[in-house]
Every structure is written in structure tokens, then in C-alpha cells.
Protein backbone atom coordinates (compact mmCIF):
# COMPACT_ATOMS: atom_id res chain seq x y z
CA UNK A 1 -7.44 -27.34 31.59
CA UNK A 2 -10.42 -24.91 31.13
CA UNK A 3 -7.96 -22.05 30.59
CA UNK A 4 -6.22 -24.08 28.45
CA UNK A 5 -9.61 -25.28 26.06
CA UNK A 6 -9.96 -20.78 26.43
CA UNK A 7 -6.19 -19.72 25.50
CA UNK A 8 -6.51 -22.79 22.79
CA UNK A 9 -9.87 -21.55 20.57
CA UNK A 10 -8.11 -17.87 21.31
CA UNK A 11 -5.26 -18.85 19.44
CA UNK A 12 -6.95 -20.15 16.68
CA UNK A 13 -9.66 -17.66 16.39
CA UNK A 14 -7.00 -15.42 15.52
CA UNK A 15 -4.81 -17.29 13.64
CA UNK A 16 -7.70 -17.52 11.33
CA UNK A 17 -8.47 -13.54 11.15
CA UNK A 18 -4.95 -13.14 9.89
CA UNK A 19 -5.20 -15.81 7.34
CA UNK A 20 -7.86 -13.85 5.47
CA UNK A 21 -5.24 -11.43 4.56
CA UNK A 22 -4.99 -11.25 1.55
CA UNK A 23 -3.38 -8.24 -1.32
CA UNK A 24 -7.04 -6.71 -1.16
CA UNK A 25 -6.12 -6.00 2.14
CA UNK A 26 -3.43 -2.76 0.38
CA UNK A 27 -5.33 0.14 -0.92
CA UNK A 28 -4.66 2.63 -2.94
CA UNK A 29 -6.68 5.94 -3.57
CA UNK A 30 -6.29 9.39 -4.45
CA UNK A 31 -6.76 13.51 -4.50
CA UNK A 32 -6.13 15.91 -5.69
CA UNK A 33 -4.17 18.23 -3.48
CA UNK A 34 -5.16 21.32 -4.95
CA UNK A 35 -2.27 22.40 -6.11
CA UNK A 36 -0.96 22.69 -9.82
CA UNK A 37 3.07 21.97 -10.53
CA UNK A 38 3.95 23.46 -14.47
CA UNK A 39 1.05 23.53 -15.38
CA UNK A 40 -0.08 19.70 -13.95
CA UNK A 41 -2.70 18.50 -11.15
CA UNK A 42 -1.09 16.96 -8.23
CA UNK A 43 -2.06 14.02 -6.88
CA UNK A 44 -1.94 13.05 -3.48
CA UNK A 45 -1.51 9.38 -3.37
CA UNK A 46 -2.58 7.43 0.25
CA UNK A 47 -1.66 3.39 0.39
CA UNK A 48 -3.24 1.96 3.22
CA UNK A 49 -2.53 -1.73 4.55
CA UNK A 50 -5.98 -2.80 6.45
CA UNK A 51 -5.27 -5.89 6.98
CA UNK A 52 -4.15 -7.16 10.42
CA UNK A 53 -0.44 -8.07 9.62
CA UNK A 54 2.15 -6.08 8.41
CA UNK A 55 2.13 -6.28 4.63
CA UNK A 56 6.22 -5.73 2.97
CA UNK A 57 6.72 -5.57 -0.72
CA UNK A 58 3.99 -4.13 -1.35
CA UNK A 59 4.36 -3.11 -5.36
CA UNK A 60 1.77 -1.57 -7.62
CA UNK A 61 1.35 -1.53 -11.45
CA UNK A 62 3.03 1.27 -13.12
CA UNK A 63 2.70 0.82 -16.86
CA UNK A 64 2.44 4.37 -18.05
CA UNK A 65 2.71 6.50 -14.65
CA UNK A 66 4.22 9.51 -15.34
CA UNK A 67 5.21 13.20 -13.36
CA UNK A 68 7.10 15.82 -13.51
CA UNK A 69 7.38 15.76 -9.82
CA UNK A 70 10.24 14.08 -7.90
CA UNK A 71 8.32 11.31 -5.89
CA UNK A 72 10.77 10.65 -3.05
CA UNK A 73 12.15 6.75 -3.99
CA UNK A 74 11.63 5.73 -0.46
CA UNK A 75 7.77 6.38 -0.64
CA UNK A 76 7.78 5.37 -4.22
CA UNK A 77 10.28 2.94 -6.51
CA UNK A 78 9.90 3.04 -10.34
CA UNK A 79 11.01 -0.51 -11.56
CA UNK A 80 9.91 -0.23 -14.70
CA UNK A 81 5.86 -1.03 -15.31
CA UNK A 82 6.84 -2.30 -11.20
CA UNK A 83 6.34 0.54 -8.55
CA UNK A 84 7.69 -0.61 -4.91
CA UNK A 85 5.72 0.89 -2.36
CA UNK A 86 8.61 2.31 0.82
CA UNK A 87 10.76 0.69 0.07
CA UNK A 88 9.62 -2.89 0.63
CA UNK A 89 8.95 -1.93 3.64
CA UNK A 90 6.63 -3.85 5.94
CA UNK A 91 3.50 -1.49 5.33
CA UNK A 92 0.88 -1.70 8.76
CA UNK A 93 -2.13 0.18 9.81
CA UNK A 94 -0.64 2.63 8.47
CA UNK A 95 -0.41 4.85 5.66
CA UNK A 96 2.48 5.85 3.12
CA UNK A 97 1.62 8.76 1.41
CA UNK A 98 3.59 10.55 -1.48
CA UNK A 99 2.58 13.26 -4.94
CA UNK A 100 2.59 13.42 -8.49
CA UNK A 101 1.80 15.64 -10.62
CA UNK A 102 0.09 14.64 -14.04
CA UNK A 103 -2.67 16.52 -15.86
CA UNK A 104 -5.15 12.62 -15.21
CA UNK A 105 -4.62 10.06 -11.86
CA UNK A 106 -3.03 6.84 -12.79
CA UNK A 107 -4.83 4.21 -11.74
CA UNK A 108 -1.60 2.01 -9.07
CA UNK A 109 -2.95 -0.98 -8.70
CA UNK A 110 -1.46 -3.39 -5.79
CA UNK A 111 -0.04 -6.63 -8.38
CA UNK A 112 1.32 -8.38 -4.75
CA UNK A 113 2.72 -8.45 -1.48
CA UNK A 114 4.22 -10.01 1.31
CA UNK A 115 2.23 -11.64 3.92
CA UNK A 116 3.59 -11.23 7.61
CA UNK A 117 2.00 -12.60 10.08
């Protein structure tokens, strides 16, 4: 009986932790790579999921995004004003990293995802 109670309590605590995941767990950071491409600053973008659960179909606001350096579509697919990260594949605790080149950094912001626990 005690083992069942402990197992149930552990399950409740774990499921409550996972349910705390949200879009705010998708963190986008950028920094200059130190390179220039056709006179433009190259920026390195890192997109991380800090949630214990995977988040898939992550989309960013890309309205006005410009680059003179091609970005591999499997990392970031520009679909009008929305960008799809990693072809919609699940983001775990690792990161998706890509580069682009423009005069100034672009403010990528998460707008949607599907949380899968």
C-alpha cells in the first residue's frame, strides 16, 4: 500500500511539473559570429527549449526578417511573416542553431508551439 501511495505521489508531482511548460520555455538568443558576409554582420541564433517536455511545430514571428546569407530551411523555414523551426520537428533540451547576415539583429519571438509530454 505504501509503495502505491509513493508511486501515485511521484506521478502527481512529475505530471504537475510537465504541465508547467509553456511557450515562454522557448528561448531565442543571438550574438554576432564575428564574420561579415557581403559587408553585413553575421548573427548566430540559438533556439532552446527549456521545458522538460518536447515542443514541436515551433513558430516564430518573422515579419520583416531579411538576410543575404541563405538559411538552411531545415533549421528555419520562412513562410511569409512566420518562421517554422526545425521543420516542425520536436525540440528537446538541446538547441537549434543557424546563422544569417544583415545590418542589425532581428527580434525573433516565439508565437506558437505544440507541447508534447
